[in-house]
N, C-alpha and C. Protein backbone atom coordinates (compact mmCIF):
# COMPACT_ATOMS: atom_id res chain seq x y z
N UNK A 1 13.78 217.95 -52.08
CA UNK A 1 13.94 216.84 -51.38
C UNK A 1 13.36 214.87 -51.42
N UNK A 2 14.36 214.47 -52.20
CA UNK A 2 13.84 212.84 -52.70
C UNK A 2 13.34 212.55 -52.00
N UNK A 3 13.12 211.40 -52.14
CA UNK A 3 12.10 210.42 -50.54
C UNK A 3 12.12 209.05 -51.36
N UNK A 4 12.88 208.16 -51.21
CA UNK A 4 12.23 206.38 -51.19
C UNK A 4 11.29 205.31 -50.74
N UNK A 5 10.92 204.74 -51.64
CA UNK A 5 9.88 203.63 -50.30
C UNK A 5 11.35 202.64 -50.50
N UNK A 6 10.66 201.46 -50.03
CA UNK A 6 11.52 200.59 -49.59
C UNK A 6 12.36 200.30 -50.35
N UNK A 7 11.65 199.51 -51.76
CA UNK A 7 12.20 199.17 -52.64
C UNK A 7 13.55 199.50 -53.12
N UNK A 8 12.56 201.52 -53.74
CA UNK A 8 13.78 201.94 -54.05
C UNK A 8 15.66 202.20 -53.14
N UNK A 9 15.05 202.58 -51.54
CA UNK A 9 15.75 202.78 -51.54
C UNK A 9 16.98 201.70 -51.11
N UNK A 10 16.55 200.00 -51.48
CA UNK A 10 17.26 199.02 -51.44
C UNK A 10 18.05 199.02 -52.29
N UNK A 11 17.39 199.53 -53.20
CA UNK A 11 18.54 199.27 -54.43
C UNK A 11 19.21 199.98 -55.01
N UNK A 12 19.10 201.54 -54.06
CA UNK A 12 20.11 203.29 -54.23
C UNK A 12 21.29 201.67 -53.64
N UNK A 13 20.62 201.15 -51.72
CA UNK A 13 21.74 200.67 -50.97
C UNK A 13 22.57 199.67 -51.20
N UNK A 14 22.18 198.67 -52.09
CA UNK A 14 22.96 197.88 -52.83
C UNK A 14 22.28 197.12 -51.51
N UNK A 15 21.00 196.64 -51.40
CA UNK A 15 21.01 195.57 -50.21
C UNK A 15 19.73 194.83 -50.75
N UNK A 16 18.76 193.97 -50.37
CA UNK A 16 17.29 193.72 -49.94
C UNK A 16 16.42 194.81 -49.32
N UNK A 17 15.09 194.55 -49.87
CA UNK A 17 13.86 195.11 -48.82
C UNK A 17 13.85 194.87 -47.91
N UNK A 18 14.06 193.18 -47.90
CA UNK A 18 14.22 192.11 -46.14
C UNK A 18 15.36 193.19 -44.78
N UNK A 19 16.49 192.95 -45.81
CA UNK A 19 17.58 193.95 -45.10
C UNK A 19 16.73 194.84 -44.05
N UNK A 20 16.94 196.16 -45.30
CA UNK A 20 16.04 197.43 -44.55
C UNK A 20 15.20 196.95 -43.76
N UNK A 21 14.07 195.58 -43.75
CA UNK A 21 13.29 195.98 -42.00
C UNK A 21 13.66 195.60 -41.34
N UNK A 22 15.00 194.33 -41.71
CA UNK A 22 15.82 193.72 -40.79
C UNK A 22 16.20 194.97 -39.48
N UNK A 23 16.91 195.73 -40.19
CA UNK A 23 17.46 197.11 -39.82
C UNK A 23 16.76 197.96 -39.35
N UNK A 24 15.31 198.31 -40.29
CA UNK A 24 14.32 198.87 -39.27
C UNK A 24 14.23 198.03 -37.39
N UNK A 25 13.19 196.46 -37.78
CA UNK A 25 13.20 195.92 -36.36
C UNK A 25 14.55 196.08 -35.47
N UNK A 26 15.54 196.73 -36.10
CA UNK A 26 16.82 196.28 -35.23
C UNK A 26 17.24 197.62 -34.33
N UNK A 27 16.68 198.63 -35.00
CA UNK A 27 16.98 200.10 -34.67
C UNK A 27 18.57 200.99 -35.39
N UNK A 28 18.29 199.72 -36.63
CA UNK A 28 20.03 200.29 -36.98
C UNK A 28 19.62 200.43 -38.66
N UNK A 29 20.62 200.69 -39.69
CA UNK A 29 20.48 201.02 -40.88
C UNK A 29 20.44 202.43 -40.82
N UNK A 30 19.39 202.87 -42.59
CA UNK A 30 19.07 204.35 -42.03
C UNK A 30 18.56 204.91 -41.32
N UNK A 31 18.12 206.17 -41.38
CA UNK A 31 16.92 206.69 -40.61
C UNK A 31 15.51 207.07 -41.33
N UNK A 32 14.47 206.29 -40.99
CA UNK A 32 13.44 206.17 -41.70
C UNK A 32 12.38 207.84 -41.42
N UNK A 33 11.40 207.75 -42.45
CA UNK A 33 10.35 208.53 -42.16
C UNK A 33 9.37 207.56 -42.18
N UNK A 34 8.58 207.61 -40.39
CA UNK A 34 7.30 207.01 -41.38
C UNK A 34 6.44 208.12 -40.98
N UNK A 35 4.94 207.20 -42.02
CA UNK A 35 3.91 208.22 -41.91
C UNK A 35 2.57 207.59 -41.73
N UNK A 36 2.00 207.54 -40.54
CA UNK A 36 1.81 206.25 -40.43
C UNK A 36 1.83 204.56 -40.84
N UNK A 37 1.58 203.83 -41.95
CA UNK A 37 1.58 202.60 -42.03
C UNK A 37 2.98 203.22 -43.19
N UNK A 38 3.36 203.68 -43.98
CA UNK A 38 3.90 203.93 -45.16
C UNK A 38 5.38 204.72 -44.43
N UNK A 39 6.72 203.65 -45.03
CA UNK A 39 7.67 204.34 -44.83
C UNK A 39 8.47 204.72 -46.20
N UNK A 40 9.19 205.22 -45.53
CA UNK A 40 10.20 206.49 -46.57
C UNK A 40 11.18 206.50 -45.75
N UNK A 41 12.47 207.01 -47.19
CA UNK A 41 13.31 206.47 -46.47
C UNK A 41 14.73 208.93 -47.99
N UNK A 42 14.97 209.28 -46.79
CA UNK A 42 15.26 210.39 -47.66
C UNK A 42 16.08 210.21 -48.20
N UNK A 43 16.39 210.90 -49.06
CA UNK A 43 18.34 210.56 -49.90
C UNK A 43 18.99 211.36 -49.28
N UNK A 44 19.21 212.39 -48.99
CA UNK A 44 20.32 212.46 -47.64
C UNK A 44 20.42 211.80 -46.14
N UNK A 45 19.79 211.10 -46.22
CA UNK A 45 19.39 209.82 -44.97
C UNK A 45 20.48 208.38 -45.51
N UNK A 46 20.27 208.34 -46.88
CA UNK A 46 20.36 206.75 -48.20
C UNK A 46 22.20 207.76 -47.64
N UNK A 47 22.21 209.15 -47.74
CA UNK A 47 23.57 209.22 -48.35
C UNK A 47 24.67 209.17 -46.98
N UNK A 48 23.78 209.56 -45.92
CA UNK A 48 24.80 209.80 -44.70
C UNK A 48 25.03 208.17 -44.12
N UNK A 49 24.07 207.39 -44.08
CA UNK A 49 24.58 205.56 -44.11
C UNK A 49 25.17 205.26 -44.60
N UNK A 50 25.49 205.61 -45.42
CA UNK A 50 26.77 205.00 -46.77
C UNK A 50 27.95 206.25 -46.35
N UNK A 51 27.62 206.71 -45.67
CA UNK A 51 29.21 207.45 -45.53
C UNK A 51 29.71 207.57 -44.14
N UNK A 52 28.62 206.92 -43.08
CA UNK A 52 28.62 206.63 -41.92
C UNK A 52 29.74 205.16 -41.79
N UNK A 53 29.32 204.43 -42.27
CA UNK A 53 29.57 202.99 -42.74
C UNK A 53 30.76 203.07 -43.73
N UNK A 54 31.82 203.86 -44.40
CA UNK A 54 32.28 203.73 -45.53
C UNK A 54 33.90 203.59 -44.29
N UNK A 55 34.85 202.47 -44.73
CA UNK A 55 35.81 202.65 -43.66
C UNK A 55 36.74 201.99 -44.52
N UNK A 56 38.04 202.55 -43.93
CA UNK A 56 39.25 202.45 -44.80
C UNK A 56 39.69 202.67 -46.56
N UNK A 57 40.72 202.62 -46.71
CA UNK A 57 41.11 203.25 -48.54
C UNK A 57 40.78 201.45 -49.02
N UNK A 58 40.77 202.58 -50.44
CA UNK A 58 39.96 201.06 -51.68
C UNK A 58 41.73 200.44 -52.04
N UNK A 59 41.99 198.96 -51.95
CA UNK A 59 43.25 198.66 -52.72
C UNK A 59 43.85 198.29 -51.47
N UNK A 60 43.64 198.11 -50.31
CA UNK A 60 44.59 197.86 -48.65
C UNK A 60 44.73 198.74 -47.89
N UNK A 61 45.14 199.58 -48.61
CA UNK A 61 45.22 200.11 -47.30
C UNK A 61 46.67 200.53 -46.97
N UNK A 62 47.51 200.58 -48.38
CA UNK A 62 49.04 200.53 -48.49
C UNK A 62 49.39 201.77 -48.73
N UNK A 63 49.51 202.58 -47.91
CA UNK A 63 50.44 204.64 -48.04
C UNK A 63 51.85 204.39 -47.67
N UNK A 64 51.96 205.27 -48.72
CA UNK A 64 53.56 205.38 -48.74
C UNK A 64 53.91 206.41 -48.00
């Protein structure tokens, strides 16, 4: 099981650590694992978050 810290999770998602923290405060974003003061993200949860937020079809969505 792959586990990421905030910096690595932000890199995987292409966002900032600050945005991850904001999402956490607002109870949004990917699921988080808290171990005391440590915050970690499972690779599967990051992937699920991306899948849940994938919209439409690339290139404008024109279908024949």
